[in-house]
Each structure stands twice: as structure tokens, then as C-alpha cells.
Amino acid sequence: MRHRLLNSLRTLPSPRGWGFCLAVSVVALAAMLAIGFSTGLYYLTPAQPGLALRMLTVLLIPALGEELPFRGLLTPGPGESRRPWLEAGLSTGLYVLWHVVEALTFLPGAAAVFLRPDFLACCAVLGLGCAIMKLRTGSIWPAVALHWVLVVVWQTWLGGVSALG
């Protein structure tokens, strides 16, 4: 596992790999926007103050903090597993479950959002997109970037800060 994590941190996608990750990101974003706007999870809000601090905080937690275990450790890169899709599915399921655990323990103020089925569906889409990028490129960095951008956008312009209190 240590080897898998270190490889994922040292590996950068090729230009073609970055293009693949961009395509996966667009599909994940479209799916999450469709889920979020159709259910009221996402709604346009004026930009929330504190963008610079939010960008830094979200980079550390949740982007790096969640991508390291769920994609860096639990999701294989190319050629690292005989059952990569099983491991990617497991890591995605555990990632979704993690949000439930957070809501029930560490972040009770987030429970109203984190326990919503539409939020958990968006977590599943994000987790699967990140897992697919790791499976294909072996790198954790595209997943960190996607996770970071999506959470910053949600918290800043799509109601995330007010929803979390």
C-alpha cells in the first residue's frame, strides 16, 4: 500500500492522460450539476467571502485529505491489481460512507447536507470520477485537482457554505 501511495504522488499524467482526466472531469461535473440543481442541493448564491482561505483549506481538507486514502491507497494505478474495478468500486463506496461517518461523528453540523441522498450521489460521482482518473493515469494529482475545484465552487457559488452553516 505504501508503494501504491508513493507511486501515485510521484506520477504525473502524460499530456494525453491530462486530456483523459479533463474529459472525465467534464462528465463528472455535468452529472453532479444535474443531480444538484434538480434536487435543490445546489443553488446559485453570491460569492461567499474568504475565497483565498477557503481555497487553501479545501486543498488540504478535503482534497488532499480524502484523495490520499481513497485514491492514493485504495485505488490501484495501471497494472497494480488483477481486479482494479473491484478496488475502485470499493474505494468509491468507502468514500461515500466516509461522509456519513463524518456527519455522525466529527461534523454533526454538516449532517443535514452530508446525509442527503443527493449529496451522497454527488459524492459517488466524484469518487468514481477520481477513481477512474487514478486507474488510468496512476496519479493522484488529477483527482486532487478535481476534488479541490468542485468543493471550492460548491462552497463559494452553489450554496455550500450556507448549507454547512
N, C-alpha and C. Protein backbone atom coordinates (compact mmCIF):
# COMPACT_ATOMS: atom_id res chain seq x y z
N MET A 1 0.82 -1.19 0.00
CA MET A 1 0.00 0.00 0.00
C MET A 1 0.87 1.26 0.00
N ARG A 2 1.94 1.23 0.78
CA ARG A 2 2.84 2.37 0.83
C ARG A 2 3.42 2.66 -0.55
N HIS A 3 3.78 1.60 -1.24
CA HIS A 3 4.33 1.73 -2.59
C HIS A 3 3.29 2.36 -3.53
N ARG A 4 2.05 1.91 -3.42
CA ARG A 4 0.97 2.45 -4.26
C ARG A 4 0.80 3.95 -4.01
N LEU A 5 0.79 4.34 -2.74
CA LEU A 5 0.62 5.75 -2.39
C LEU A 5 1.77 6.59 -2.91
N LEU A 6 2.99 6.12 -2.68
CA LEU A 6 4.16 6.89 -3.14
C LEU A 6 4.17 7.01 -4.66
N ASN A 7 3.84 5.93 -5.36
CA ASN A 7 3.77 6.00 -6.82
C ASN A 7 2.74 7.02 -7.28
N SER A 8 1.59 7.04 -6.62
CA SER A 8 0.54 7.97 -7.04
C SER A 8 0.93 9.41 -6.80
N LEU A 9 1.77 9.66 -5.80
CA LEU A 9 2.24 11.01 -5.53
C LEU A 9 3.37 11.43 -6.47
N ARG A 10 4.18 10.47 -6.90
CA ARG A 10 5.32 10.77 -7.79
C ARG A 10 4.94 10.81 -9.26
N THR A 11 3.82 10.23 -9.60
CA THR A 11 3.43 10.11 -11.01
C THR A 11 2.63 11.32 -11.45
N LEU A 12 2.99 11.85 -12.60
CA LEU A 12 2.19 12.89 -13.26
C LEU A 12 1.66 12.32 -14.56
N PRO A 13 0.43 12.63 -14.91
CA PRO A 13 -0.11 12.12 -16.17
C PRO A 13 0.63 12.69 -17.37
N SER A 14 0.63 11.94 -18.44
CA SER A 14 1.14 12.43 -19.72
C SER A 14 0.17 13.49 -20.23
N PRO A 15 0.53 14.24 -21.26
CA PRO A 15 -0.44 15.18 -21.83
C PRO A 15 -1.74 14.49 -22.25
N ARG A 16 -1.62 13.31 -22.82
CA ARG A 16 -2.82 12.55 -23.20
C ARG A 16 -3.62 12.14 -21.96
N GLY A 17 -2.91 11.78 -20.87
CA GLY A 17 -3.55 11.44 -19.61
C GLY A 17 -4.30 12.62 -19.02
N TRP A 18 -3.70 13.81 -19.10
CA TRP A 18 -4.39 15.02 -18.63
C TRP A 18 -5.65 15.27 -19.46
N GLY A 19 -5.56 15.03 -20.76
CA GLY A 19 -6.75 15.19 -21.61
C GLY A 19 -7.85 14.22 -21.21
N PHE A 20 -7.48 12.98 -20.93
CA PHE A 20 -8.45 12.00 -20.46
C PHE A 20 -9.08 12.48 -19.15
N CYS A 21 -8.27 12.97 -18.24
CA CYS A 21 -8.77 13.43 -16.94
C CYS A 21 -9.69 14.64 -17.11
N LEU A 22 -9.38 15.49 -18.05
CA LEU A 22 -10.27 16.63 -18.32
C LEU A 22 -11.63 16.14 -18.80
N ALA A 23 -11.64 15.14 -19.68
CA ALA A 23 -12.90 14.59 -20.17
C ALA A 23 -13.69 13.95 -19.03
N VAL A 24 -13.03 13.19 -18.18
CA VAL A 24 -13.70 12.57 -17.03
C VAL A 24 -14.25 13.66 -16.11
N SER A 25 -13.49 14.71 -15.91
CA SER A 25 -13.92 15.82 -15.05
C SER A 25 -15.16 16.50 -15.59
N VAL A 26 -15.22 16.71 -16.89
CA VAL A 26 -16.39 17.34 -17.51
C VAL A 26 -17.63 16.46 -17.32
N VAL A 27 -17.48 15.17 -17.52
CA VAL A 27 -18.61 14.25 -17.34
C VAL A 27 -19.06 14.23 -15.88
N ALA A 28 -18.11 14.16 -14.94
CA ALA A 28 -18.45 14.16 -13.52
C ALA A 28 -19.13 15.47 -13.14
N LEU A 29 -18.59 16.58 -13.60
CA LEU A 29 -19.18 17.88 -13.30
C LEU A 29 -20.61 17.96 -13.84
N ALA A 30 -20.82 17.52 -15.07
CA ALA A 30 -22.17 17.57 -15.65
C ALA A 30 -23.15 16.72 -14.85
N ALA A 31 -22.72 15.53 -14.45
CA ALA A 31 -23.59 14.65 -13.67
C ALA A 31 -23.91 15.27 -12.31
N MET A 32 -22.89 15.83 -11.66
CA MET A 32 -23.11 16.43 -10.35
C MET A 32 -24.00 17.66 -10.44
N LEU A 33 -23.82 18.47 -11.48
CA LEU A 33 -24.68 19.64 -11.65
C LEU A 33 -26.12 19.22 -11.91
N ALA A 34 -26.31 18.19 -12.71
CA ALA A 34 -27.67 17.70 -12.98
C ALA A 34 -28.33 17.21 -11.69
N ILE A 35 -27.60 16.45 -10.90
CA ILE A 35 -28.15 15.96 -9.63
C ILE A 35 -28.42 17.13 -8.69
N GLY A 36 -27.42 17.97 -8.50
CA GLY A 36 -27.51 19.04 -7.51
C GLY A 36 -28.56 20.09 -7.81
N PHE A 37 -28.65 20.53 -9.06
CA PHE A 37 -29.64 21.55 -9.39
C PHE A 37 -31.05 20.97 -9.45
N SER A 38 -31.19 19.73 -9.87
CA SER A 38 -32.53 19.14 -9.97
C SER A 38 -33.14 18.85 -8.60
N THR A 39 -32.31 18.71 -7.57
CA THR A 39 -32.82 18.39 -6.24
C THR A 39 -32.79 19.57 -5.27
N GLY A 40 -32.18 20.66 -5.68
CA GLY A 40 -32.06 21.82 -4.79
C GLY A 40 -30.83 21.79 -3.90
N LEU A 41 -30.00 20.77 -4.05
CA LEU A 41 -28.75 20.73 -3.30
C LEU A 41 -27.87 21.92 -3.69
N TYR A 42 -27.81 22.21 -4.98
CA TYR A 42 -27.05 23.34 -5.50
C TYR A 42 -28.03 24.44 -5.87
N TYR A 43 -27.64 25.66 -5.55
CA TYR A 43 -28.40 26.84 -5.97
C TYR A 43 -27.41 28.00 -6.03
N LEU A 44 -27.61 28.87 -6.99
CA LEU A 44 -26.68 29.98 -7.18
C LEU A 44 -26.77 30.95 -6.02
N THR A 45 -25.61 31.34 -5.52
CA THR A 45 -25.53 32.32 -4.44
C THR A 45 -24.47 33.35 -4.80
N PRO A 46 -24.55 34.54 -4.22
CA PRO A 46 -23.45 35.49 -4.41
C PRO A 46 -22.17 34.86 -3.86
N ALA A 47 -21.06 35.25 -4.41
CA ALA A 47 -19.78 34.71 -3.96
C ALA A 47 -19.63 34.91 -2.46
N GLN A 48 -19.25 33.86 -1.78
CA GLN A 48 -19.04 33.90 -0.34
C GLN A 48 -17.67 34.50 -0.05
N PRO A 49 -17.55 35.30 1.02
CA PRO A 49 -16.25 35.90 1.34
C PRO A 49 -15.25 34.83 1.79
N GLY A 50 -13.99 35.22 1.78
CA GLY A 50 -12.94 34.34 2.28
C GLY A 50 -12.45 33.33 1.26
N LEU A 51 -12.47 33.69 -0.02
CA LEU A 51 -12.12 32.73 -1.07
C LEU A 51 -10.69 32.21 -0.93
N ALA A 52 -9.72 33.08 -0.65
CA ALA A 52 -8.32 32.64 -0.57
C ALA A 52 -8.13 31.61 0.55
N LEU A 53 -8.68 31.88 1.72
CA LEU A 53 -8.56 30.93 2.83
C LEU A 53 -9.31 29.64 2.50
N ARG A 54 -10.48 29.76 1.89
CA ARG A 54 -11.25 28.57 1.51
C ARG A 54 -10.46 27.71 0.53
N MET A 55 -9.83 28.34 -0.45
CA MET A 55 -9.06 27.59 -1.45
C MET A 55 -7.94 26.80 -0.78
N LEU A 56 -7.26 27.41 0.18
CA LEU A 56 -6.18 26.72 0.88
C LEU A 56 -6.73 25.61 1.76
N THR A 57 -7.77 25.91 2.51
CA THR A 57 -8.35 24.92 3.41
C THR A 57 -8.87 23.71 2.64
N VAL A 58 -9.59 23.95 1.57
CA VAL A 58 -10.17 22.85 0.78
C VAL A 58 -9.06 22.03 0.10
N LEU A 59 -7.96 22.67 -0.26
CA LEU A 59 -6.85 21.91 -0.84
C LEU A 59 -6.34 20.87 0.16
N LEU A 60 -6.22 21.28 1.42
CA LEU A 60 -5.71 20.37 2.44
C LEU A 60 -6.77 19.37 2.89
N ILE A 61 -7.95 19.89 3.22
CA ILE A 61 -9.07 19.04 3.65
C ILE A 61 -10.30 19.61 2.97
N PRO A 62 -10.88 18.96 2.06
CA PRO A 62 -10.91 17.54 1.81
C PRO A 62 -10.04 17.04 0.65
N ALA A 63 -9.58 17.93 -0.24
CA ALA A 63 -8.94 17.43 -1.47
C ALA A 63 -7.79 16.46 -1.18
N LEU A 64 -6.74 16.91 -0.57
CA LEU A 64 -5.62 16.00 -0.26
C LEU A 64 -6.00 15.01 0.83
N GLY A 65 -6.68 15.48 1.86
CA GLY A 65 -7.01 14.63 3.00
C GLY A 65 -7.88 13.43 2.64
N GLU A 66 -8.73 13.58 1.65
CA GLU A 66 -9.58 12.45 1.24
C GLU A 66 -9.00 11.70 0.04
N GLU A 67 -8.31 12.38 -0.84
CA GLU A 67 -7.75 11.69 -2.00
C GLU A 67 -6.59 10.78 -1.63
N LEU A 68 -5.81 11.16 -0.63
CA LEU A 68 -4.69 10.29 -0.23
C LEU A 68 -5.16 8.89 0.16
N PRO A 69 -6.12 8.75 1.07
CA PRO A 69 -6.53 7.38 1.42
C PRO A 69 -7.40 6.71 0.35
N PHE A 70 -8.38 7.43 -0.18
CA PHE A 70 -9.36 6.77 -1.04
C PHE A 70 -8.85 6.51 -2.45
N ARG A 71 -8.05 7.38 -2.99
CA ARG A 71 -7.48 7.13 -4.32
C ARG A 71 -6.01 6.75 -4.22
N GLY A 72 -5.23 7.42 -3.38
CA GLY A 72 -3.81 7.11 -3.29
C GLY A 72 -3.53 5.72 -2.76
N LEU A 73 -4.24 5.31 -1.71
CA LEU A 73 -4.02 3.99 -1.11
C LEU A 73 -4.94 2.90 -1.66
N LEU A 74 -6.22 3.21 -1.78
CA LEU A 74 -7.20 2.15 -2.06
C LEU A 74 -7.49 1.91 -3.54
N THR A 75 -7.17 2.88 -4.39
CA THR A 75 -7.44 2.72 -5.82
C THR A 75 -6.13 2.42 -6.54
N PRO A 76 -6.07 1.33 -7.29
CA PRO A 76 -4.82 0.99 -7.97
C PRO A 76 -4.57 1.86 -9.19
N GLY A 77 -3.32 1.95 -9.54
CA GLY A 77 -2.95 2.57 -10.81
C GLY A 77 -2.87 1.49 -11.87
N PRO A 78 -2.48 1.85 -13.08
CA PRO A 78 -2.39 0.86 -14.17
C PRO A 78 -1.44 -0.29 -13.80
N GLY A 79 -1.93 -1.51 -13.95
CA GLY A 79 -1.12 -2.68 -13.71
C GLY A 79 -0.85 -3.03 -12.26
N GLU A 80 -1.49 -2.35 -11.32
CA GLU A 80 -1.24 -2.62 -9.91
C GLU A 80 -2.18 -3.65 -9.29
N SER A 81 -3.15 -4.12 -10.05
CA SER A 81 -4.13 -5.02 -9.48
C SER A 81 -4.69 -5.94 -10.56
N ARG A 82 -5.10 -7.13 -10.12
CA ARG A 82 -5.79 -8.04 -11.05
C ARG A 82 -7.27 -7.72 -11.11
N ARG A 83 -7.78 -6.98 -10.12
CA ARG A 83 -9.20 -6.60 -10.07
C ARG A 83 -9.32 -5.10 -9.81
N PRO A 84 -8.82 -4.28 -10.72
CA PRO A 84 -8.80 -2.84 -10.45
C PRO A 84 -10.20 -2.24 -10.27
N TRP A 85 -11.18 -2.71 -11.03
CA TRP A 85 -12.53 -2.13 -10.93
C TRP A 85 -13.19 -2.49 -9.61
N LEU A 86 -12.89 -3.65 -9.08
CA LEU A 86 -13.41 -4.02 -7.77
C LEU A 86 -12.83 -3.09 -6.70
N GLU A 87 -11.53 -2.87 -6.76
CA GLU A 87 -10.88 -1.98 -5.79
C GLU A 87 -11.37 -0.55 -5.95
N ALA A 88 -11.55 -0.09 -7.18
CA ALA A 88 -12.05 1.27 -7.42
C ALA A 88 -13.48 1.40 -6.90
N GLY A 89 -14.30 0.38 -7.10
CA GLY A 89 -15.66 0.40 -6.58
C GLY A 89 -15.69 0.41 -5.07
N LEU A 90 -14.82 -0.38 -4.46
CA LEU A 90 -14.73 -0.42 -3.01
C LEU A 90 -14.28 0.93 -2.46
N SER A 91 -13.27 1.52 -3.07
CA SER A 91 -12.78 2.82 -2.58
C SER A 91 -13.86 3.89 -2.73
N THR A 92 -14.64 3.82 -3.81
CA THR A 92 -15.71 4.79 -4.01
C THR A 92 -16.81 4.59 -2.97
N GLY A 93 -17.17 3.35 -2.71
CA GLY A 93 -18.18 3.08 -1.68
C GLY A 93 -17.73 3.54 -0.31
N LEU A 94 -16.47 3.29 0.03
CA LEU A 94 -15.94 3.73 1.32
C LEU A 94 -15.87 5.25 1.40
N TYR A 95 -15.57 5.89 0.28
CA TYR A 95 -15.53 7.36 0.23
C TYR A 95 -16.92 7.93 0.52
N VAL A 96 -17.95 7.36 -0.06
CA VAL A 96 -19.32 7.82 0.20
C VAL A 96 -19.66 7.57 1.67
N LEU A 97 -19.36 6.38 2.16
CA LEU A 97 -19.62 6.04 3.56
C LEU A 97 -18.88 6.96 4.52
N TRP A 98 -17.69 7.38 4.15
CA TRP A 98 -16.91 8.30 4.98
C TRP A 98 -17.70 9.58 5.28
N HIS A 99 -18.44 10.09 4.30
CA HIS A 99 -19.21 11.30 4.52
C HIS A 99 -20.34 11.07 5.53
N VAL A 100 -20.89 9.89 5.54
CA VAL A 100 -21.90 9.55 6.54
C VAL A 100 -21.25 9.50 7.93
N VAL A 101 -20.10 8.86 8.02
CA VAL A 101 -19.37 8.78 9.29
C VAL A 101 -19.01 10.18 9.78
N GLU A 102 -18.52 11.03 8.89
CA GLU A 102 -18.20 12.41 9.28
C GLU A 102 -19.42 13.12 9.85
N ALA A 103 -20.57 12.97 9.19
CA ALA A 103 -21.79 13.65 9.62
C ALA A 103 -22.25 13.16 10.99
N LEU A 104 -22.01 11.89 11.27
CA LEU A 104 -22.49 11.32 12.53
C LEU A 104 -21.48 11.45 13.68
N THR A 105 -20.25 11.89 13.35
CA THR A 105 -19.22 11.97 14.40
C THR A 105 -18.54 13.35 14.43
N PHE A 106 -17.64 13.60 13.50
CA PHE A 106 -16.79 14.79 13.52
C PHE A 106 -17.50 16.07 13.11
N LEU A 107 -18.45 15.98 12.20
CA LEU A 107 -19.10 17.17 11.64
C LEU A 107 -20.61 17.12 11.79
N PRO A 108 -21.12 17.08 13.00
CA PRO A 108 -22.57 16.98 13.15
C PRO A 108 -23.32 18.17 12.54
N GLY A 109 -22.66 19.32 12.45
CA GLY A 109 -23.28 20.48 11.82
C GLY A 109 -23.50 20.29 10.33
N ALA A 110 -22.79 19.35 9.73
CA ALA A 110 -22.93 19.07 8.30
C ALA A 110 -23.92 17.96 8.01
N ALA A 111 -24.48 17.35 9.05
CA ALA A 111 -25.35 16.18 8.86
C ALA A 111 -26.54 16.47 7.95
N ALA A 112 -27.12 17.65 8.07
CA ALA A 112 -28.29 17.97 7.24
C ALA A 112 -27.96 17.90 5.75
N VAL A 113 -26.72 18.17 5.40
CA VAL A 113 -26.28 18.09 4.00
C VAL A 113 -25.66 16.72 3.71
N PHE A 114 -24.73 16.29 4.54
CA PHE A 114 -23.96 15.08 4.28
C PHE A 114 -24.80 13.81 4.28
N LEU A 115 -25.96 13.83 4.89
CA LEU A 115 -26.82 12.64 4.91
C LEU A 115 -27.90 12.67 3.83
N ARG A 116 -27.92 13.71 3.04
CA ARG A 116 -28.89 13.79 1.94
C ARG A 116 -28.52 12.80 0.84
N PRO A 117 -29.49 12.05 0.32
CA PRO A 117 -29.19 11.12 -0.77
C PRO A 117 -28.58 11.79 -2.00
N ASP A 118 -29.01 13.01 -2.33
CA ASP A 118 -28.45 13.70 -3.49
C ASP A 118 -26.99 14.09 -3.25
N PHE A 119 -26.66 14.50 -2.03
CA PHE A 119 -25.27 14.80 -1.71
C PHE A 119 -24.41 13.55 -1.82
N LEU A 120 -24.92 12.44 -1.27
CA LEU A 120 -24.17 11.18 -1.34
C LEU A 120 -24.04 10.69 -2.77
N ALA A 121 -25.06 10.94 -3.60
CA ALA A 121 -24.95 10.59 -5.03
C ALA A 121 -23.86 11.43 -5.70
N CYS A 122 -23.79 12.71 -5.36
CA CYS A 122 -22.71 13.55 -5.90
C CYS A 122 -21.35 13.07 -5.41
N CYS A 123 -21.27 12.64 -4.16
CA CYS A 123 -20.02 12.06 -3.65
C CYS A 123 -19.63 10.82 -4.46
N ALA A 124 -20.61 9.99 -4.77
CA ALA A 124 -20.34 8.78 -5.55
C ALA A 124 -19.83 9.13 -6.95
N VAL A 125 -20.43 10.13 -7.57
CA VAL A 125 -19.98 10.55 -8.91
C VAL A 125 -18.56 11.09 -8.83
N LEU A 126 -18.30 11.95 -7.85
CA LEU A 126 -16.95 12.50 -7.69
C LEU A 126 -15.95 11.39 -7.39
N GLY A 127 -16.30 10.50 -6.47
CA GLY A 127 -15.40 9.41 -6.12
C GLY A 127 -15.10 8.50 -7.30
N LEU A 128 -16.12 8.19 -8.07
CA LEU A 128 -15.91 7.33 -9.24
C LEU A 128 -15.06 8.04 -10.29
N GLY A 129 -15.34 9.32 -10.53
CA GLY A 129 -14.52 10.07 -11.49
C GLY A 129 -13.06 10.11 -11.07
N CYS A 130 -12.82 10.36 -9.79
CA CYS A 130 -11.44 10.39 -9.28
C CYS A 130 -10.78 9.02 -9.39
N ALA A 131 -11.55 7.97 -9.10
CA ALA A 131 -11.01 6.60 -9.20
C ALA A 131 -10.65 6.26 -10.64
N ILE A 132 -11.50 6.64 -11.57
CA ILE A 132 -11.23 6.36 -12.99
C ILE A 132 -9.94 7.06 -13.43
N MET A 133 -9.75 8.30 -12.99
CA MET A 133 -8.53 9.02 -13.36
C MET A 133 -7.30 8.33 -12.77
N LYS A 134 -7.39 7.87 -11.53
CA LYS A 134 -6.26 7.17 -10.91
C LYS A 134 -5.98 5.84 -11.61
N LEU A 135 -7.05 5.10 -11.92
CA LEU A 135 -6.89 3.83 -12.63
C LEU A 135 -6.14 4.01 -13.95
N ARG A 136 -6.49 5.06 -14.65
CA ARG A 136 -5.93 5.28 -15.98
C ARG A 136 -4.53 5.88 -15.96
N THR A 137 -4.29 6.84 -15.05
CA THR A 137 -3.01 7.57 -15.08
C THR A 137 -2.02 7.12 -14.01
N GLY A 138 -2.51 6.52 -12.92
CA GLY A 138 -1.64 6.16 -11.82
C GLY A 138 -1.31 7.34 -10.90
N SER A 139 -1.84 8.51 -11.23
CA SER A 139 -1.53 9.72 -10.48
C SER A 139 -2.71 10.15 -9.62
N ILE A 140 -2.41 10.65 -8.45
CA ILE A 140 -3.44 11.18 -7.56
C ILE A 140 -3.76 12.64 -7.88
N TRP A 141 -2.87 13.33 -8.60
CA TRP A 141 -2.99 14.78 -8.76
C TRP A 141 -4.21 15.23 -9.55
N PRO A 142 -4.63 14.55 -10.60
CA PRO A 142 -5.87 14.97 -11.26
C PRO A 142 -7.08 14.86 -10.32
N ALA A 143 -7.11 13.82 -9.49
CA ALA A 143 -8.22 13.65 -8.54
C ALA A 143 -8.20 14.76 -7.50
N VAL A 144 -7.03 15.11 -7.01
CA VAL A 144 -6.91 16.20 -6.05
C VAL A 144 -7.41 17.50 -6.68
N ALA A 145 -7.00 17.76 -7.92
CA ALA A 145 -7.42 18.99 -8.60
C ALA A 145 -8.93 19.04 -8.80
N LEU A 146 -9.52 17.94 -9.27
CA LEU A 146 -10.97 17.91 -9.48
C LEU A 146 -11.70 18.09 -8.16
N HIS A 147 -11.32 17.37 -7.15
CA HIS A 147 -11.96 17.46 -5.83
C HIS A 147 -11.87 18.89 -5.31
N TRP A 148 -10.71 19.48 -5.41
CA TRP A 148 -10.47 20.84 -4.92
C TRP A 148 -11.37 21.84 -5.64
N VAL A 149 -11.37 21.80 -6.96
CA VAL A 149 -12.16 22.76 -7.73
C VAL A 149 -13.65 22.60 -7.43
N LEU A 150 -14.15 21.38 -7.42
CA LEU A 150 -15.58 21.18 -7.21
C LEU A 150 -16.03 21.63 -5.82
N VAL A 151 -15.25 21.36 -4.80
CA VAL A 151 -15.65 21.78 -3.45
C VAL A 151 -15.56 23.31 -3.31
N VAL A 152 -14.52 23.92 -3.86
CA VAL A 152 -14.41 25.38 -3.80
C VAL A 152 -15.59 26.03 -4.51
N VAL A 153 -15.94 25.55 -5.70
CA VAL A 153 -17.07 26.11 -6.43
C VAL A 153 -18.37 25.91 -5.66
N TRP A 154 -18.58 24.71 -5.11
CA TRP A 154 -19.80 24.44 -4.33
C TRP A 154 -19.89 25.38 -3.13
N GLN A 155 -18.79 25.50 -2.39
CA GLN A 155 -18.83 26.33 -1.19
C GLN A 155 -18.93 27.82 -1.51
N THR A 156 -18.39 28.25 -2.64
CA THR A 156 -18.33 29.68 -2.94
C THR A 156 -19.55 30.19 -3.69
N TRP A 157 -20.05 29.42 -4.67
CA TRP A 157 -21.11 29.93 -5.54
C TRP A 157 -22.37 29.07 -5.60
N LEU A 158 -22.35 27.88 -5.01
CA LEU A 158 -23.51 26.98 -5.16
C LEU A 158 -24.15 26.61 -3.83
N GLY A 159 -24.03 27.47 -2.84
CA GLY A 159 -24.76 27.27 -1.60
C GLY A 159 -24.10 26.41 -0.55
N GLY A 160 -22.89 25.94 -0.79
CA GLY A 160 -22.26 25.02 0.15
C GLY A 160 -21.95 25.63 1.51
N VAL A 161 -21.46 26.87 1.53
CA VAL A 161 -21.12 27.49 2.82
C VAL A 161 -22.37 27.70 3.65
N SER A 162 -23.42 28.22 3.05
CA SER A 162 -24.65 28.44 3.83
C SER A 162 -25.31 27.13 4.21
N ALA A 163 -25.19 26.11 3.37
CA ALA A 163 -25.78 24.82 3.69
C ALA A 163 -25.07 24.16 4.87
N LEU A 164 -23.78 24.36 4.97
CA LEU A 164 -23.00 23.76 6.05
C LEU A 164 -23.05 24.58 7.33
N GLY A 165 -23.56 25.82 7.21
CA GLY A 165 -23.67 26.68 8.41
C GLY A 165 -22.39 27.35 8.64
